Every structure is written in structure tokens, then in C-alpha cells.
Amino acid sequence: MHTRYARSGSVSIAYQVVGDGATDLVLVPGFVSHVEVAWEQPRLARFLGRLAAFSRLIMFDKRGTGMSDPVTDPPTVDERMDDIRAVMDAADSQRATVFGISEGGTLSLLFAHAHPQRAAALIMYGSWARRLPGPDYPYGRTAEQMEATLAGMSSAWDTGEWWDGGHPSADDDEHHRAWWARYLRMSASPAMAQKIIRMNMGTDIRDVLPLIDAPTLILHRSADSWIDVGHARYLAEHIPGAQYVELPGTDHRPWLGDVDAIADAIERFVTGRKTRPRRHTKIGPDALSQREREVAVLACHGQTAIEIASRLYLSSRTVESYLVSIYTKLGIASKSELIRRAAEFGL
């Protein structure tokens, strides 16, 4: 995928555009992210590929994380909202569905309220309106519990362990943990990540919920090990007309567990189409369509997406969508791996 940069004030924000669907879908990540390392994890690449299959997916790293400019202190809410605006402008997206994961959902909600002309709709997954329990809000871990978690959180940058409260995911195997540790190291330092979480601990946007006019979809897993499902139920009860989909599972990270259930709900909300019947997805070289094979062969010869697009009379975004599908079907994470294993795949 081609990484570009948008200018938000004096800060450069890294972003990617994948897919060529009729609806722009801006993905606002959780507390840390890295737009390139994300594609190295097959499960996450498949999730992103599902989203890009029915939308024009715009994903980015918030300032201070990933490939965006570093900052010394966690940015303000206004700065973060301006990052979304800057990325949308750079991607030539005047109006989009804004999809936020975890703390990204809280930020997306604030963006939808502050910029209703830019947010056509709002999707929140695993998110919240207030991070800590409080008066008339019994959900979440206490400040003391959060501080205890933060005290040991930095070990994840070495081990890749998730702060799951003793409920490990079946999908969080040794390979995934090794990638998660690398993802964290490339996304932000432990100190910066902890500062971001502490900032979130002081957030309370309950007063904004009744003011949201955009069509809203709230998704949450019933036994989420990091963000209690009560947060989502509260959001659904207080955002006018919100659709609420509660899914089974314990995984907070959406690419683990039943990815299709999440992607199906988002597709239905974004496109208005009913979910297609699920089919077993073929994998391996034989699963490639003729066009995908043509793209793969050219990529193996070192051609860029722009060069392939010119050769095959396609748009570069269409080529990038083909590459996402190719990587998923071949179980690889990058173009370099495709080139290295070309003979194995018969390319």
C-alpha cells in the first residue's frame, strides 16, 4: 500500500487510501497504530481488505503514533480532530462515514459533532463515552485498576501479551503476539501510549451524545476483555436513533475472533445491502482470479501499483484492492514476501 502524508498545521500525518468503493470510510484507530506494519498481520490485513472491498478506505496514524510526526505530549482533542480533517482533505474526501475503534470511536463521535458537514455517518466499535466509572456511570475499571494495568503494560512491547484480564484470546497465538509486540514498538513508545491512556481516563463526553445527528452504528463484543460492554449499551441508549449490534466474543481487537460478523455489520450499515451469504474463502495460488494473477505477476517483477495500473488500464486504487486480495489469498503480508516466494506460487 502507498503511504502518503497530509499536513495538519505543522504536523505531517501518514495515511493510506485503499479500495474504490462509492462510500468513503475513514478508519480512526485505537490508542496506537502503524499503517504499514498493520498489513503484515494476515488477520488484520483480511479485516482491512473486507472494509476496502465495499468502500474507499482511508486509514491514518494519529499524530505522535506510527509514521506520523512524533510529539512530546499527547495531542489535544482539537488537534486530533484536525488530523482527521487534514487527512480527508488530502484524500479528496468531502464527506465520509467515520469509523472509530476503541478510543478512536470517542474521537470519531466528537468529530461528527464538531463537523457534521464532513461526517455522513458514525461507526463506533469497542468504544465509550467515559473511560472510568462515575456518578450514574458504573462501567469500566477504576482509576486504581487502570494504574495497576499501566504499571505492567510496557512488558507488552517485549512479549506481545495483551492486557486481557486473564481471558486470553484463542487467536492470540505466538505468531500474533510477536507481531503485536513489533506493532506496538513501531507505533509508539510505552511512555507515550501510557500518556494517551491516562489522558483518556479523564475523558467524559456524555453531554455530547444527545447532540449527535449523524446515523450511528455501535458495535461491541459482549465479553470484551478491555472495554466493558456496558459502555456500548450506554452509548446506544443516549445517541438518538443509534443502531446497536452486540456480538459474542471476548476480543477487543476487531481483527481477532469473528471478523466477518463485524465487517458484515459495517458493510450493511454503509451500503444498505444485506449481508452476502458467507462462503468458504479459497486460499493459495489457485484461488487467484485471472486479473489478480496478472497483477501479482507484474508486482513480482517489481512494478509499482501506479505502473501496474497504467499497464492494465486500471486505477491505482483498484490495483491496491487487488493486492490486498492477493496477499490475503496467499497468506502473505507484503510485496517483498510476494516477490521472494514468487516461484513457490508459480508466478
Protein backbone atom coordinates (compact mmCIF):
# COMPACT_ATOMS: atom_id res chain seq x y z
CA MET A 1 0.00 0.00 0.00
CA HIS A 2 1.20 3.52 -0.79
CA THR A 3 1.63 5.77 2.24
CA ARG A 4 1.06 9.48 1.76
CA TYR A 5 1.21 12.48 4.10
CA ALA A 6 -1.35 15.13 4.95
CA ARG A 7 -0.45 18.43 6.60
CA SER A 8 -2.24 19.30 9.84
CA GLY A 9 -0.81 22.63 10.91
CA SER A 10 2.92 22.00 11.25
CA VAL A 11 2.47 18.22 11.67
CA SER A 12 2.61 15.56 8.94
CA ILE A 13 0.00 12.81 9.22
CA ALA A 14 0.62 9.47 7.48
CA TYR A 15 -2.34 7.97 5.64
CA GLN A 16 -3.30 5.38 3.03
CA VAL A 17 -6.25 5.06 0.66
CA VAL A 18 -7.30 1.53 -0.32
CA GLY A 19 -10.25 0.45 -2.45
CA ASP A 20 -12.51 2.34 -4.82
CA GLY A 21 -15.99 1.90 -3.35
CA ALA A 22 -18.70 4.52 -3.67
CA THR A 23 -18.53 5.48 0.04
CA ASP A 24 -15.50 6.96 1.79
CA LEU A 25 -14.81 5.17 5.08
CA VAL A 26 -12.32 6.91 7.39
CA LEU A 27 -10.81 4.49 9.90
CA VAL A 28 -9.81 6.20 13.15
CA PRO A 29 -7.56 3.77 15.04
CA GLY A 30 -7.25 2.99 18.72
CA PHE A 31 -4.59 4.37 21.03
CA VAL A 32 -1.66 3.47 18.73
CA SER A 33 -1.32 2.36 15.11
CA HIS A 34 1.07 1.93 12.19
CA VAL A 35 -0.46 1.99 8.70
CA GLU A 36 2.28 -0.15 7.15
CA VAL A 37 3.01 -2.71 9.88
CA ALA A 38 -0.76 -3.33 10.08
CA TRP A 39 -0.63 -5.10 6.70
CA GLU A 40 2.00 -7.55 7.99
CA GLN A 41 -0.59 -9.34 10.14
CA PRO A 42 -2.79 -11.57 7.93
CA ARG A 43 -5.85 -11.34 10.19
CA LEU A 44 -5.70 -7.56 10.31
CA ALA A 45 -4.96 -7.38 6.56
CA ARG A 46 -8.04 -9.50 5.93
CA PHE A 47 -10.18 -7.20 8.09
CA LEU A 48 -8.91 -4.12 6.26
CA GLY A 49 -9.43 -5.91 2.96
CA ARG A 50 -13.04 -6.62 3.84
CA LEU A 51 -13.61 -2.92 4.54
CA ALA A 52 -11.85 -1.84 1.34
CA ALA A 53 -13.94 -4.28 -0.69
CA PHE A 54 -17.10 -2.17 -0.29
CA SER A 55 -15.66 1.30 0.41
CA ARG A 56 -12.86 3.70 -0.32
CA LEU A 57 -10.98 3.04 2.91
CA ILE A 58 -8.93 5.94 4.32
CA MET A 59 -6.70 4.94 7.22
CA PHE A 60 -4.13 7.01 9.09
CA ASP A 61 -1.81 7.24 12.08
CA LYS A 62 -2.74 9.91 14.60
CA ARG A 63 -0.03 12.45 15.38
CA GLY A 64 2.53 11.04 17.80
CA THR A 65 2.00 7.47 16.61
CA GLY A 66 3.08 5.23 13.76
CA MET A 67 4.51 7.00 10.70
CA SER A 68 3.08 10.41 11.61
CA ASP A 69 5.23 13.08 13.20
CA PRO A 70 6.24 12.42 16.82
CA VAL A 71 5.07 14.71 19.60
CA THR A 72 6.32 15.15 23.16
CA ASP A 73 2.88 15.17 24.81
CA PRO A 74 -0.46 13.63 23.90
CA PRO A 75 -2.26 15.92 21.44
CA THR A 76 -5.45 17.72 22.37
CA VAL A 77 -8.84 16.60 21.12
CA ASP A 78 -8.99 19.61 18.79
CA GLU A 79 -5.61 18.70 17.30
CA ARG A 80 -6.69 15.11 16.76
CA MET A 81 -9.93 16.19 15.12
CA ASP A 82 -7.96 18.46 12.83
CA ASP A 83 -5.83 15.46 11.85
CA ILE A 84 -8.98 13.71 10.59
CA ARG A 85 -9.96 16.84 8.70
CA ALA A 86 -6.49 17.17 7.16
CA VAL A 87 -6.44 13.53 6.02
CA MET A 88 -9.89 13.83 4.48
CA ASP A 89 -8.83 16.99 2.62
CA ALA A 90 -5.63 15.36 1.36
CA ALA A 91 -7.57 12.28 0.22
CA ASP A 92 -10.11 14.50 -1.55
CA SER A 93 -12.91 13.25 0.71
CA GLN A 94 -15.52 15.90 1.33
CA ARG A 95 -17.87 13.67 3.29
CA ALA A 96 -17.31 10.24 4.78
CA THR A 97 -18.51 7.61 7.19
CA VAL A 98 -16.19 7.87 10.18
CA PHE A 99 -15.34 4.53 11.83
CA GLY A 100 -13.56 4.66 15.18
CA ILE A 101 -12.08 1.76 17.10
CA SER A 102 -11.82 1.95 20.91
CA GLU A 103 -10.63 5.49 21.79
CA GLY A 104 -10.87 6.24 18.07
CA GLY A 105 -14.63 5.82 18.43
CA THR A 106 -14.77 8.52 21.09
CA LEU A 107 -12.75 10.83 18.86
CA SER A 108 -14.95 9.99 15.86
CA LEU A 109 -18.06 10.91 17.83
CA LEU A 110 -16.58 14.28 18.74
CA PHE A 111 -15.59 14.85 15.10
CA ALA A 112 -19.12 14.02 13.93
CA HIS A 113 -20.49 16.57 16.39
CA ALA A 114 -17.96 19.32 15.56
CA HIS A 115 -18.01 18.75 11.77
CA PRO A 116 -21.45 17.46 10.82
CA GLN A 117 -20.93 18.57 7.23
CA ARG A 118 -17.97 16.15 6.90
CA ALA A 119 -19.37 13.14 8.80
CA ALA A 120 -22.08 11.41 6.78
CA ALA A 121 -22.37 8.65 9.39
CA LEU A 122 -20.64 7.37 12.51
CA ILE A 123 -19.50 3.85 13.46
CA MET A 124 -18.07 3.04 16.89
CA TYR A 125 -16.51 -0.29 17.83
CA GLY A 126 -15.39 -1.20 21.36
CA SER A 127 -15.72 2.40 22.45
CA TRP A 128 -17.00 4.53 25.32
CA ALA A 129 -18.26 7.96 26.39
CA ARG A 130 -16.44 7.96 29.74
CA ARG A 131 -13.42 5.78 30.45
CA LEU A 132 -13.75 5.46 34.24
CA PRO A 133 -16.78 4.73 36.46
CA GLY A 134 -18.50 7.75 37.95
CA PRO A 135 -21.83 9.05 39.23
CA ASP A 136 -24.64 7.28 37.32
CA TYR A 137 -21.99 5.51 35.26
CA PRO A 138 -20.90 2.17 36.79
CA TYR A 139 -18.96 0.88 33.77
CA GLY A 140 -15.26 0.22 33.36
CA ARG A 141 -12.21 -0.22 35.53
CA THR A 142 -11.49 2.15 38.40
CA ALA A 143 -8.56 4.55 38.30
CA GLU A 144 -6.68 2.27 40.70
CA GLN A 145 -7.27 -0.75 38.48
CA MET A 146 -6.18 1.17 35.40
CA GLU A 147 -2.99 2.35 37.11
CA ALA A 148 -2.21 -1.25 38.07
CA THR A 149 -2.64 -2.28 34.43
CA LEU A 150 -0.49 0.62 33.21
CA ALA A 151 2.27 -0.30 35.65
CA GLY A 152 2.85 -3.59 33.84
CA MET A 153 1.75 -2.60 30.36
CA SER A 154 5.21 -1.82 29.00
CA SER A 155 6.11 -5.51 29.01
CA ALA A 156 3.79 -5.94 26.02
CA TRP A 157 6.33 -4.05 23.89
CA ASP A 158 8.63 -7.03 24.55
CA THR A 159 6.30 -10.02 24.85
CA GLY A 160 3.26 -9.01 22.82
CA GLU A 161 0.95 -10.01 25.65
CA TRP A 162 -2.46 -8.34 25.73
CA TRP A 163 -3.88 -6.87 28.92
CA ASP A 164 -6.82 -9.28 28.79
CA GLY A 165 -7.67 -9.58 32.45
CA GLY A 166 -6.84 -13.27 32.46
CA HIS A 167 -9.02 -14.12 29.44
CA PRO A 168 -6.57 -14.79 26.59
CA SER A 169 -7.87 -14.99 23.05
CA ALA A 170 -7.70 -18.28 21.19
CA ASP A 171 -6.44 -16.35 18.15
CA ASP A 172 -3.68 -14.59 20.07
CA ASP A 173 -1.07 -17.24 19.35
CA GLU A 174 2.72 -16.97 19.50
CA HIS A 175 2.95 -15.64 15.94
CA HIS A 176 0.34 -12.96 16.58
CA ARG A 177 1.96 -11.90 19.86
CA ALA A 178 5.32 -11.50 18.13
CA TRP A 179 3.69 -9.25 15.53
CA TRP A 180 1.73 -7.31 18.19
CA ALA A 181 4.95 -6.56 20.10
CA ARG A 182 6.53 -5.25 16.90
CA TYR A 183 3.38 -3.27 16.07
CA LEU A 184 3.49 -1.58 19.48
CA ARG A 185 7.21 -0.80 19.17
CA MET A 186 6.72 0.74 15.73
CA SER A 187 3.58 2.65 16.77
CA ALA A 188 4.61 4.47 19.94
CA SER A 189 6.86 4.23 22.97
CA PRO A 190 5.41 2.67 26.14
CA ALA A 191 5.57 6.07 27.83
CA MET A 192 3.61 7.80 25.05
CA ALA A 193 0.99 5.02 25.00
CA GLN A 194 0.56 5.30 28.75
CA LYS A 195 0.19 9.08 28.50
CA ILE A 196 -2.55 8.62 25.91
CA ILE A 197 -4.43 6.15 28.11
CA ARG A 198 -4.11 8.43 31.14
CA MET A 199 -5.49 11.29 29.05
CA ASN A 200 -8.43 9.06 28.11
CA MET A 201 -9.03 8.30 31.78
CA GLY A 202 -10.04 11.94 32.24
CA THR A 203 -12.40 11.99 29.27
CA ASP A 204 -16.17 12.29 29.69
CA ILE A 205 -18.27 13.21 26.64
CA ARG A 206 -21.67 12.05 27.85
CA ASP A 207 -23.11 15.53 27.35
CA VAL A 208 -22.41 15.30 23.59
CA LEU A 209 -24.30 12.06 22.98
CA PRO A 210 -27.82 13.55 22.66
CA LEU A 211 -26.49 16.09 20.15
CA ILE A 212 -25.32 13.56 17.55
CA ASP A 213 -27.37 13.89 14.36
CA ALA A 214 -25.43 11.52 12.10
CA PRO A 215 -26.72 7.97 11.54
CA THR A 216 -24.81 5.89 14.07
CA LEU A 217 -23.84 2.22 14.38
CA ILE A 218 -22.43 0.91 17.64
CA LEU A 219 -20.65 -2.45 17.70
CA HIS A 220 -19.33 -4.25 20.75
CA ARG A 221 -18.49 -7.78 21.84
CA SER A 222 -20.47 -8.93 24.85
CA ALA A 223 -17.46 -10.14 26.87
CA ASP A 224 -14.85 -7.64 25.65
CA SER A 225 -11.89 -8.12 28.00
CA TRP A 226 -10.67 -4.48 27.79
CA ILE A 227 -13.77 -2.26 27.37
CA ASP A 228 -16.84 -3.41 29.29
CA VAL A 229 -19.93 -3.88 27.14
CA GLY A 230 -21.85 -1.54 29.45
CA HIS A 231 -20.06 1.36 27.76
CA ALA A 232 -21.59 0.45 24.40
CA ARG A 233 -25.06 -0.09 25.81
CA TYR A 234 -24.89 3.36 27.36
CA LEU A 235 -23.88 4.89 24.03
CA ALA A 236 -26.76 3.13 22.28
CA GLU A 237 -29.26 4.38 24.82
CA HIS A 238 -28.14 8.01 24.65
CA ILE A 239 -27.33 8.64 20.97
CA PRO A 240 -30.62 9.39 19.14
CA GLY A 241 -31.59 6.66 16.69
CA ALA A 242 -28.37 4.69 17.12
CA GLN A 243 -28.27 1.13 15.82
CA TYR A 244 -26.71 -1.29 18.30
CA VAL A 245 -25.19 -4.64 17.41
CA GLU A 246 -23.84 -6.72 20.28
CA LEU A 247 -21.67 -9.60 19.16
CA PRO A 248 -20.38 -12.65 21.03
CA GLY A 249 -16.71 -12.82 21.93
CA THR A 250 -14.03 -11.56 24.29
CA ASP A 251 -11.54 -9.99 21.85
CA HIS A 252 -11.24 -6.22 21.92
CA ARG A 253 -9.07 -6.08 18.81
CA PRO A 254 -11.56 -6.44 15.95
CA TRP A 255 -9.33 -8.49 13.66
CA LEU A 256 -9.33 -11.34 16.19
CA GLY A 257 -12.34 -13.59 16.68
CA ASP A 258 -15.24 -13.45 14.23
CA VAL A 259 -14.03 -10.76 11.85
CA ASP A 260 -16.82 -11.39 9.35
CA ALA A 261 -19.56 -10.58 11.86
CA ILE A 262 -18.07 -7.10 12.37
CA ALA A 263 -17.32 -6.49 8.69
CA ASP A 264 -20.78 -7.71 7.66
CA ALA A 265 -22.50 -5.31 10.06
CA ILE A 266 -20.38 -2.40 8.83
CA GLU A 267 -21.00 -3.27 5.18
CA ARG A 268 -24.74 -3.48 5.74
CA PHE A 269 -24.75 -0.11 7.51
CA VAL A 270 -22.53 1.63 4.95
CA THR A 271 -24.00 0.23 1.72
CA GLY A 272 -27.55 -0.66 2.73
CA ARG A 273 -27.07 -4.15 1.35
CA LYS A 274 -27.92 -7.23 3.26
CA THR A 275 -25.00 -9.39 4.21
CA ARG A 276 -23.97 -11.77 1.47
CA PRO A 277 -24.11 -15.44 2.37
CA ARG A 278 -20.79 -16.41 3.83
CA ARG A 279 -18.70 -18.72 1.71
CA HIS A 280 -15.54 -20.56 2.46
CA THR A 281 -12.76 -18.37 1.10
CA LYS A 282 -10.30 -20.27 -1.06
CA ILE A 283 -6.66 -19.72 -0.31
CA GLY A 284 -3.48 -20.37 -2.23
CA PRO A 285 -2.40 -19.60 -5.81
CA ASP A 286 -5.36 -21.46 -7.31
CA ALA A 287 -7.71 -19.02 -5.55
CA LEU A 288 -6.40 -16.07 -7.60
CA SER A 289 -8.64 -14.76 -10.35
CA GLN A 290 -7.14 -14.17 -13.78
CA ARG A 291 -6.89 -10.44 -13.13
CA GLU A 292 -5.36 -10.99 -9.68
CA ARG A 293 -2.77 -13.30 -11.24
CA GLU A 294 -1.91 -10.62 -13.83
CA VAL A 295 -1.44 -8.04 -11.07
CA ALA A 296 0.60 -10.47 -8.97
CA VAL A 297 2.95 -11.30 -11.85
CA LEU A 298 3.62 -7.62 -12.54
CA ALA A 299 4.14 -6.94 -8.84
CA CYS A 300 6.63 -9.83 -8.71
CA HIS A 301 8.58 -8.05 -11.46
CA GLY A 302 8.90 -5.03 -9.17
CA GLN A 303 6.29 -2.81 -10.75
CA THR A 304 4.52 -0.29 -8.52
CA ALA A 305 0.74 0.00 -8.22
CA ILE A 306 0.82 3.06 -10.47
CA GLU A 307 2.87 1.20 -13.10
CA ILE A 308 0.59 -1.83 -12.95
CA ALA A 309 -2.47 0.42 -13.26
CA SER A 310 -1.03 2.02 -16.39
CA ARG A 311 -0.15 -1.35 -17.90
CA LEU A 312 -3.58 -2.90 -17.25
CA TYR A 313 -5.65 0.27 -17.79
CA LEU A 314 -6.91 0.29 -14.21
CA SER A 315 -6.94 2.89 -11.46
CA SER A 316 -4.14 2.66 -8.88
CA ARG A 317 -6.77 2.22 -6.16
CA THR A 318 -8.21 -0.78 -7.98
CA VAL A 319 -4.73 -2.28 -8.21
CA GLU A 320 -4.20 -1.72 -4.48
CA SER A 321 -7.50 -3.51 -3.81
CA TYR A 322 -6.32 -6.43 -5.95
CA LEU A 323 -3.07 -6.54 -3.98
CA VAL A 324 -4.98 -6.71 -0.69
CA SER A 325 -6.95 -9.68 -2.03
CA ILE A 326 -3.79 -11.33 -3.38
CA TYR A 327 -1.97 -11.02 -0.06
CA THR A 328 -4.97 -12.44 1.79
CA LYS A 329 -5.38 -15.43 -0.53
CA LEU A 330 -1.67 -16.23 -0.50
CA GLY A 331 -1.36 -15.74 3.25
CA ILE A 332 1.42 -13.17 2.95
CA ALA A 333 1.92 -9.72 4.39
CA SER A 334 3.86 -7.66 1.87
CA LYS A 335 5.04 -7.16 -1.68
CA SER A 336 8.58 -8.16 -0.71
CA GLU A 337 7.28 -11.52 0.51
CA LEU A 338 5.31 -11.93 -2.74
CA ILE A 339 8.49 -11.35 -4.76
CA ARG A 340 10.55 -13.66 -2.56
CA ARG A 341 8.04 -16.51 -2.85
CA ALA A 342 7.06 -15.94 -6.49
CA ALA A 343 8.44 -19.29 -7.70
CA GLU A 344 6.61 -21.12 -4.91
CA PHE A 345 3.35 -19.54 -6.04
CA GLY A 346 4.01 -20.27 -9.70
CA LEU A 347 4.30 -16.58 -10.57
